[in-house]
Structures are given as structure tokens and as C-alpha cells.
């Protein structure tokens, strides 16, 4: 796991769970440039452990990851009293109604069907 510190826009920390180094770096760059403190975990297990150590303002997670996928980590996060109110954003390019069904079965999740639409993700998460 790596940590990058931005300008601390309102002190918000964002946890990214992403096994793709390229995607993680892109999201880190985008968020750090906007003043967020970013912590990166390479899978759902690492993300869960990181969130329990230091509660983030938001969690952004890939769906398909080793060890623990985004669906499972989201369900684990939402089952824990200390983390249940943390907004979770699931990023996926997986198509189809089955993907949407799995996502909407979890609580307080915003779905982006394209990992490069970060602006859309954040606009939607601010309205939930």
C-alpha cells in the first residue's frame, strides 16, 4: 500500500482499492491534484485493513481484484459499524444487468461503468 498527500481539501482521505498500477496511479494523480490524501490498496483485503486502521472519507474500489473482489469488500465494509457510513464507489467496465444487480445489492454505492469517468463519479457521489 502507498500513501500520497495532497493539499488536504477539507482533510478528506480517500482509499483506492485497485490492482492495476496504472489505474491506481491515474486516480491518485487526479485526487492528489485536488487536495485529497490518497491511500492505495492492491486488493479488497488490503483495502478493508486500511479502512479499519484509518477511516477514509470515501472508498473507490475496482470490482475485479485478487484476494477479495470489490463486491465482497464492499459488503464487508458495509457490515462493519465503524465503516458502514463511508461512501463506496465501485469502478468497473464489466457490462450487463448482472453486474448492475450485484452492485445495487450493496448499500450506498455509486457505479461508474468506465474507470476514466472520475468527474462523473464524484458528481454522482455528492448527490447520494
C-alpha atoms as a PDB file:
ATOM      1  CA  UNK A   1       0.000   0.000   0.000  1.00  0.00           C
ATOM      2  CA  UNK A   2       1.215   3.506  -0.754  1.00  0.00           C
ATOM      3  CA  UNK A   3       0.183   6.882   0.560  1.00  0.00           C
ATOM      4  CA  UNK A   4       0.305  10.225  -1.248  1.00  0.00           C
ATOM      5  CA  UNK A   5      -0.508  13.505   0.482  1.00  0.00           C
ATOM      6  CA  UNK A   6      -2.209  16.383  -1.360  1.00  0.00           C
ATOM      7  CA  UNK A   7      -3.283  19.818  -0.108  1.00  0.00           C
ATOM      8  CA  UNK A   8      -5.830  18.258   2.273  1.00  0.00           C
ATOM      9  CA  UNK A   9      -9.006  19.744   0.827  1.00  0.00           C
ATOM     10  CA  UNK A  10     -11.127  19.674   3.987  1.00  0.00           C
ATOM     11  CA  UNK A  11      -8.786  16.956   5.282  1.00  0.00           C
ATOM     12  CA  UNK A  12     -10.533  14.304   3.201  1.00  0.00           C
ATOM     13  CA  UNK A  13      -8.780  10.967   2.840  1.00  0.00           C
ATOM     14  CA  UNK A  14      -9.733   8.646   0.004  1.00  0.00           C
ATOM     15  CA  UNK A  15      -8.897   4.959  -0.099  1.00  0.00           C
ATOM     16  CA  UNK A  16      -8.414   3.409  -3.538  1.00  0.00           C
ATOM     17  CA  UNK A  17      -8.587  -0.374  -3.941  1.00  0.00           C
ATOM     18  CA  UNK A  18      -7.156  -1.134  -7.374  1.00  0.00           C
ATOM     19  CA  UNK A  19      -4.912  -3.958  -8.568  1.00  0.00           C
ATOM     20  CA  UNK A  20      -3.945  -2.163 -11.770  1.00  0.00           C
ATOM     21  CA  UNK A  21      -0.953   0.042 -11.016  1.00  0.00           C
ATOM     22  CA  UNK A  22      -1.791   2.283 -13.991  1.00  0.00           C
ATOM     23  CA  UNK A  23      -5.388   2.879 -12.833  1.00  0.00           C
ATOM     24  CA  UNK A  24      -4.246   3.431  -9.241  1.00  0.00           C
ATOM     25  CA  UNK A  25      -1.658   5.975 -10.351  1.00  0.00           C
ATOM     26  CA  UNK A  26      -4.174   7.823 -12.545  1.00  0.00           C
ATOM     27  CA  UNK A  27      -6.722   8.058  -9.733  1.00  0.00           C
ATOM     28  CA  UNK A  28      -4.032   9.048  -7.220  1.00  0.00           C
ATOM     29  CA  UNK A  29      -2.781  11.799  -9.500  1.00  0.00           C
ATOM     30  CA  UNK A  30      -6.294  13.100 -10.161  1.00  0.00           C
ATOM     31  CA  UNK A  31      -7.295  13.136  -6.495  1.00  0.00           C
ATOM     32  CA  UNK A  32      -3.984  14.386  -5.091  1.00  0.00           C
ATOM     33  CA  UNK A  33      -4.039  17.303  -7.518  1.00  0.00           C
ATOM     34  CA  UNK A  34      -7.390  18.257  -5.995  1.00  0.00           C
ATOM     35  CA  UNK A  35      -6.113  18.215  -2.433  1.00  0.00           C
ATOM     36  CA  UNK A  36      -7.172  14.785  -1.240  1.00  0.00           C
ATOM     37  CA  UNK A  37      -4.973  12.452   0.770  1.00  0.00           C
ATOM     38  CA  UNK A  38      -4.900   9.133  -1.083  1.00  0.00           C
ATOM     39  CA  UNK A  39      -4.118   5.660   0.225  1.00  0.00           C
ATOM     40  CA  UNK A  40      -3.827   2.807  -2.280  1.00  0.00           C
ATOM     41  CA  UNK A  41      -4.533  -0.852  -1.546  1.00  0.00           C
ATOM     42  CA  UNK A  42      -3.887  -3.538  -4.179  1.00  0.00           C
ATOM     43  CA  UNK A  43      -6.898  -5.725  -3.318  1.00  0.00           C
ATOM     44  CA  UNK A  44     -10.052  -5.847  -1.224  1.00  0.00           C
ATOM     45  CA  UNK A  45      -8.371  -7.450   1.792  1.00  0.00           C
ATOM     46  CA  UNK A  46      -5.747  -4.715   1.964  1.00  0.00           C
ATOM     47  CA  UNK A  47      -8.446  -2.077   1.500  1.00  0.00           C
ATOM     48  CA  UNK A  48     -10.523  -3.453   4.361  1.00  0.00           C
ATOM     49  CA  UNK A  49      -7.493  -3.494   6.662  1.00  0.00           C
ATOM     50  CA  UNK A  50      -6.509   0.055   5.637  1.00  0.00           C
ATOM     51  CA  UNK A  51     -10.054   1.362   6.190  1.00  0.00           C
ATOM     52  CA  UNK A  52     -10.149  -0.173   9.665  1.00  0.00           C
ATOM     53  CA  UNK A  53      -6.806   1.439  10.560  1.00  0.00           C
ATOM     54  CA  UNK A  54      -7.873   4.901   9.387  1.00  0.00           C
ATOM     55  CA  UNK A  55     -11.462   5.568   8.319  1.00  0.00           C
ATOM     56  CA  UNK A  56     -11.465   7.260   4.901  1.00  0.00           C
ATOM     57  CA  UNK A  57     -13.979   9.854   3.732  1.00  0.00           C
ATOM     58  CA  UNK A  58     -14.625   7.682   0.664  1.00  0.00           C
ATOM     59  CA  UNK A  59     -13.537   4.350  -0.780  1.00  0.00           C
ATOM     60  CA  UNK A  60     -13.061   3.841  -4.511  1.00  0.00           C
ATOM     61  CA  UNK A  61     -12.737   0.184  -5.460  1.00  0.00           C
ATOM     62  CA  UNK A  62     -12.279  -1.821  -8.597  1.00  0.00           C
ATOM     63  CA  UNK A  63     -14.698  -4.728  -8.962  1.00  0.00           C
ATOM     64  CA  UNK A  64     -12.316  -7.404 -10.275  1.00  0.00           C
ATOM     65  CA  UNK A  65      -9.305  -7.864  -7.969  1.00  0.00           C
ATOM     66  CA  UNK A  66      -7.333 -10.745  -6.462  1.00  0.00           C
ATOM     67  CA  UNK A  67      -7.785 -11.930  -2.860  1.00  0.00           C
ATOM     68  CA  UNK A  68     -11.120 -10.151  -2.332  1.00  0.00           C
ATOM     69  CA  UNK A  69     -13.163  -8.547  -5.125  1.00  0.00           C
ATOM     70  CA  UNK A  70     -14.919  -5.197  -4.931  1.00  0.00           C
ATOM     71  CA  UNK A  71     -18.359  -6.697  -4.284  1.00  0.00           C
ATOM     72  CA  UNK A  72     -17.129  -8.728  -1.333  1.00  0.00           C
ATOM     73  CA  UNK A  73     -15.043  -5.942   0.158  1.00  0.00           C
ATOM     74  CA  UNK A  74     -17.997  -3.566  -0.138  1.00  0.00           C
ATOM     75  CA  UNK A  75     -20.282  -5.995   1.680  1.00  0.00           C
ATOM     76  CA  UNK A  76     -17.639  -6.434   4.394  1.00  0.00           C
ATOM     77  CA  UNK A  77     -17.202  -2.661   4.730  1.00  0.00           C
ATOM     78  CA  UNK A  78     -20.951  -2.063   4.950  1.00  0.00           C
ATOM     79  CA  UNK A  79     -21.339  -4.785   7.590  1.00  0.00           C
ATOM     80  CA  UNK A  80     -18.944  -3.068   9.999  1.00  0.00           C
ATOM     81  CA  UNK A  81     -20.389  -0.359  12.272  1.00  0.00           C
ATOM     82  CA  UNK A  82     -17.202   1.715  12.049  1.00  0.00           C
ATOM     83  CA  UNK A  83     -17.319   1.793   8.224  1.00  0.00           C
ATOM     84  CA  UNK A  84     -20.984   1.392   7.262  1.00  0.00           C
ATOM     85  CA  UNK A  85     -21.472   5.115   6.557  1.00  0.00           C
ATOM     86  CA  UNK A  86     -18.395   5.500   4.366  1.00  0.00           C
ATOM     87  CA  UNK A  87     -19.445   6.025   0.729  1.00  0.00           C
ATOM     88  CA  UNK A  88     -18.100   3.367  -1.636  1.00  0.00           C
ATOM     89  CA  UNK A  89     -17.608   3.900  -5.357  1.00  0.00           C
ATOM     90  CA  UNK A  90     -17.296   0.746  -7.459  1.00  0.00           C
ATOM     91  CA  UNK A  91     -15.440   1.210 -10.727  1.00  0.00           C
ATOM     92  CA  UNK A  92     -15.947  -1.342 -13.462  1.00  0.00           C
ATOM     93  CA  UNK A  93     -16.083  -1.711 -17.182  1.00  0.00           C
ATOM     94  CA  UNK A  94     -17.937  -5.021 -16.822  1.00  0.00           C
ATOM     95  CA  UNK A  95     -21.103  -4.903 -18.920  1.00  0.00           C
ATOM     96  CA  UNK A  96     -24.600  -6.119 -18.341  1.00  0.00           C
ATOM     97  CA  UNK A  97     -27.518  -6.320 -15.934  1.00  0.00           C
ATOM     98  CA  UNK A  98     -25.867  -8.981 -13.766  1.00  0.00           C
ATOM     99  CA  UNK A  99     -23.101  -6.513 -12.860  1.00  0.00           C
ATOM    100  CA  UNK A 100     -25.654  -3.816 -12.045  1.00  0.00           C
ATOM    101  CA  UNK A 101     -27.676  -6.242  -9.951  1.00  0.00           C
ATOM    102  CA  UNK A 102     -24.630  -7.170  -7.858  1.00  0.00           C
ATOM    103  CA  UNK A 103     -23.730  -3.526  -7.369  1.00  0.00           C
ATOM    104  CA  UNK A 104     -27.193  -2.405  -6.345  1.00  0.00           C
ATOM    105  CA  UNK A 105     -27.457  -5.260  -3.834  1.00  0.00           C
ATOM    106  CA  UNK A 106     -24.843  -3.459  -1.747  1.00  0.00           C
ATOM    107  CA  UNK A 107     -25.608  -0.318   0.235  1.00  0.00           C
ATOM    108  CA  UNK A 108     -24.696   3.274  -0.762  1.00  0.00           C
ATOM    109  CA  UNK A 109     -22.701   2.514  -3.843  1.00  0.00           C
ATOM    110  CA  UNK A 110     -22.150   4.710  -6.860  1.00  0.00           C
ATOM    111  CA  UNK A 111     -21.349   2.866 -10.093  1.00  0.00           C
ATOM    112  CA  UNK A 112     -19.264   4.187 -12.938  1.00  0.00           C
ATOM    113  CA  UNK A 113     -19.259   1.957 -16.000  1.00  0.00           C
ATOM    114  CA  UNK A 114     -15.956   3.429 -17.151  1.00  0.00           C
ATOM    115  CA  UNK A 115     -12.943   3.959 -14.850  1.00  0.00           C
ATOM    116  CA  UNK A 116     -11.925   7.091 -16.766  1.00  0.00           C
ATOM    117  CA  UNK A 117     -15.118   8.970 -15.837  1.00  0.00           C
ATOM    118  CA  UNK A 118     -13.851  10.127 -12.453  1.00  0.00           C
ATOM    119  CA  UNK A 119     -15.559  13.536 -12.707  1.00  0.00           C
ATOM    120  CA  UNK A 120     -18.946  11.869 -13.226  1.00  0.00           C
ATOM    121  CA  UNK A 121     -18.297   9.564 -10.302  1.00  0.00           C
ATOM    122  CA  UNK A 122     -17.624  12.423  -7.920  1.00  0.00           C
ATOM    123  CA  UNK A 123     -20.587  14.481  -9.116  1.00  0.00           C
ATOM    124  CA  UNK A 124     -22.894  11.494  -8.515  1.00  0.00           C
ATOM    125  CA  UNK A 125     -21.386  10.640  -5.135  1.00  0.00           C
ATOM    126  CA  UNK A 126     -22.016  14.174  -3.891  1.00  0.00           C
ATOM    127  CA  UNK A 127     -25.741  13.813  -4.588  1.00  0.00           C
ATOM    128  CA  UNK A 128     -26.259  10.491  -2.752  1.00  0.00           C
END
